[in-house]
Amino acid sequence: MRFLSSLILPAALLLGACGETAAAPAAGGAAVIEVRDAFIVEPPEGRDITGGGMHVSVQGGPVTLIGARTDAAQNVELHTMSMENDMMQMRKVESFPVTEETPLVLERGGNHLMLFGVGPIEAGSEIDVILTFTDESGTETEVVTKAEIVLPAG
């Protein structure tokens, strides 16, 4: 039965859309993960590295974001951003917790996604980003969201 629910749960969860909120009830009282406002910054001319973000909330129990991937990049990492000795420091991390009380906010100038080996993407288009979460029992769930490609801040 656990095997069946691990197949149904990912299918039952959401497909998040940029600027919209989407969620679906999960089977068996599992957490419902909601992703909204996903974005990826268009890389500068001649560069194949960029960042991105989104808002993630959960109902029904805590989850942990443990990975992300997209066909638009060779690799996606989870990064923190902090100020140390008046300098911004980025560091790769293995995960970000998400609870009902503390939603996850990935944004410019803060915790974010870092994409490497990014192919041609243009502002105004959208790409799929597949997020991998794990719950307290160790069950993994993948959530697909649409991320809008946005212009660099300037």
Protein backbone atom coordinates (compact mmCIF):
# COMPACT_ATOMS: atom_id res chain seq x y z
CA MET A 1 0.00 0.00 0.00
CA ARG A 2 2.85 2.39 0.81
CA PHE A 3 4.28 1.75 -2.68
CA LEU A 4 0.91 2.60 -4.26
CA SER A 5 0.55 5.79 -2.23
CA SER A 6 4.09 6.84 -3.19
CA LEU A 7 3.00 6.60 -6.83
CA ILE A 8 -0.34 8.34 -6.33
CA LEU A 9 0.94 11.14 -4.08
CA PRO A 10 3.28 12.73 -6.64
CA ALA A 11 0.54 12.57 -9.27
CA ALA A 12 -2.01 14.02 -6.87
CA LEU A 13 0.12 16.97 -5.83
CA LEU A 14 0.24 20.23 -7.65
CA LEU A 15 1.44 21.69 -10.85
CA GLY A 16 2.31 25.23 -9.77
CA ALA A 17 2.06 28.09 -12.20
CA CYS A 18 3.93 31.36 -12.03
CA GLY A 19 1.81 34.10 -10.52
CA GLU A 20 -0.87 31.59 -9.59
CA THR A 21 -1.40 29.37 -6.61
CA ALA A 22 -2.17 25.73 -7.21
CA ALA A 23 -2.58 22.82 -4.84
CA ALA A 24 -4.32 19.50 -4.75
CA PRO A 25 -5.43 17.43 -1.76
CA ALA A 26 -3.07 14.56 -1.05
CA ALA A 27 -4.13 11.01 -0.32
CA GLY A 28 -3.84 9.53 3.16
CA GLY A 29 -3.44 12.77 5.10
CA ALA A 30 -0.03 13.55 3.61
CA ALA A 31 1.24 17.10 3.27
CA VAL A 32 -0.07 19.35 0.51
CA ILE A 33 2.71 21.37 -1.07
CA GLU A 34 1.90 24.68 -2.75
CA VAL A 35 4.36 26.47 -5.06
CA ARG A 36 3.74 29.95 -6.44
CA ASP A 37 5.53 32.86 -8.12
CA ALA A 38 8.37 30.71 -9.50
CA PHE A 39 10.91 32.60 -11.63
CA ILE A 40 14.30 32.17 -13.27
CA VAL A 41 16.40 35.21 -14.16
CA GLU A 42 17.46 35.46 -17.82
CA PRO A 43 21.26 35.04 -17.82
CA PRO A 44 23.36 37.97 -19.01
CA GLU A 45 24.63 37.79 -22.61
CA GLY A 46 27.33 35.14 -22.95
CA ARG A 47 26.75 33.61 -19.50
CA ASP A 48 25.21 30.24 -18.64
CA ILE A 49 24.74 30.74 -14.88
CA THR A 50 21.70 32.33 -13.27
CA GLY A 51 19.43 32.26 -10.23
CA GLY A 52 15.78 31.80 -9.48
CA GLY A 53 13.20 31.69 -6.77
CA MET A 54 9.67 30.91 -5.65
CA HIS A 55 7.40 30.68 -2.62
CA VAL A 56 6.67 27.24 -1.16
CA SER A 57 4.11 26.54 1.55
CA VAL A 58 2.82 23.30 3.02
CA GLN A 59 -0.22 22.09 4.93
CA GLY A 60 -0.51 18.82 6.83
CA GLY A 61 3.07 18.37 7.96
CA PRO A 62 6.59 19.61 7.38
CA VAL A 63 8.57 18.78 4.24
CA THR A 64 12.11 19.46 3.12
CA LEU A 65 13.16 20.67 -0.32
CA ILE A 66 16.10 18.42 -1.22
CA GLY A 67 16.61 19.16 -4.91
CA ALA A 68 15.56 20.85 -8.12
CA ARG A 69 16.13 20.23 -11.80
CA THR A 70 15.08 21.51 -15.19
CA ASP A 71 15.75 20.61 -18.80
CA ALA A 72 16.86 24.24 -19.29
CA ALA A 73 20.06 23.75 -17.20
CA GLN A 74 22.70 21.09 -16.68
CA ASN A 75 22.58 21.45 -12.89
CA VAL A 76 20.44 23.21 -10.27
CA GLU A 77 21.68 23.79 -6.71
CA LEU A 78 20.06 25.13 -3.55
CA HIS A 79 21.98 28.17 -2.22
CA THR A 80 21.96 30.44 0.80
CA MET A 81 23.02 34.07 0.69
CA SER A 82 24.40 35.87 3.72
CA MET A 83 26.49 38.92 4.61
CA GLU A 84 29.89 38.17 6.15
CA ASN A 85 32.42 40.95 6.79
CA ASP A 86 30.40 43.30 4.57
CA MET A 87 30.53 40.82 1.67
CA MET A 88 27.71 38.72 0.26
CA GLN A 89 28.48 35.01 0.52
CA MET A 90 26.68 32.28 -1.43
CA ARG A 91 26.86 28.70 -0.25
CA LYS A 92 25.42 25.48 -1.62
CA VAL A 93 23.17 23.67 0.85
CA GLU A 94 21.61 20.21 0.73
CA SER A 95 18.09 21.21 1.75
CA PHE A 96 15.59 23.82 2.92
CA PRO A 97 12.87 23.01 5.48
CA VAL A 98 9.25 24.03 4.85
CA THR A 99 6.62 24.09 7.61
CA GLU A 100 3.15 25.55 7.95
CA GLU A 101 4.60 28.20 10.25
CA THR A 102 7.66 28.92 8.10
CA PRO A 103 7.07 28.84 4.35
CA LEU A 104 10.12 28.75 2.10
CA VAL A 105 10.93 31.93 0.21
CA LEU A 106 13.60 31.68 -2.48
CA GLU A 107 14.41 35.14 -3.85
CA ARG A 108 17.01 37.48 -5.29
CA GLY A 109 19.44 38.55 -2.58
CA GLY A 110 18.44 35.69 -0.27
CA ASN A 111 18.14 31.93 -0.36
CA HIS A 112 17.70 30.93 -4.01
CA LEU A 113 18.10 28.36 -6.77
CA MET A 114 21.38 28.53 -8.70
CA LEU A 115 21.31 27.16 -12.27
CA PHE A 116 24.47 26.14 -14.13
CA GLY A 117 24.87 25.30 -17.81
CA VAL A 118 21.72 27.20 -18.74
CA GLY A 119 20.68 26.91 -22.38
CA PRO A 120 19.07 29.73 -24.33
CA ILE A 121 16.09 31.12 -22.39
CA GLU A 122 14.34 34.43 -22.95
CA ALA A 123 12.41 36.73 -20.66
CA GLY A 124 8.68 36.23 -20.98
CA SER A 125 8.87 32.48 -21.62
CA GLU A 126 8.33 29.71 -19.06
CA ILE A 127 10.20 26.54 -18.17
CA ASP A 128 9.31 23.54 -16.03
CA VAL A 129 11.21 23.18 -12.77
CA ILE A 130 10.92 19.85 -10.95
CA LEU A 131 11.27 20.16 -7.18
CA THR A 132 12.00 17.15 -4.96
CA PHE A 133 10.68 17.14 -1.40
CA THR A 134 10.91 14.58 1.37
CA ASP A 135 8.59 14.26 4.35
CA GLU A 136 9.27 13.07 7.91
CA SER A 137 8.86 9.40 6.86
CA GLY A 138 11.47 9.78 4.10
CA THR A 139 8.93 9.58 1.28
CA GLU A 140 10.02 11.67 -1.70
CA THR A 141 7.58 13.71 -3.75
CA GLU A 142 8.26 15.56 -6.97
CA VAL A 143 6.36 18.75 -7.75
CA VAL A 144 6.50 20.34 -11.21
CA THR A 145 6.09 24.10 -11.40
CA LYS A 146 6.20 26.58 -14.27
CA ALA A 147 8.86 29.24 -13.75
CA GLU A 148 8.65 32.51 -15.65
CA ILE A 149 11.88 33.76 -17.20
CA VAL A 150 12.38 37.34 -15.95
CA LEU A 151 14.82 40.11 -16.80
CA PRO A 152 17.76 40.75 -14.48
CA ALA A 153 17.13 43.48 -11.93
CA GLY A 154 18.67 46.69 -13.02
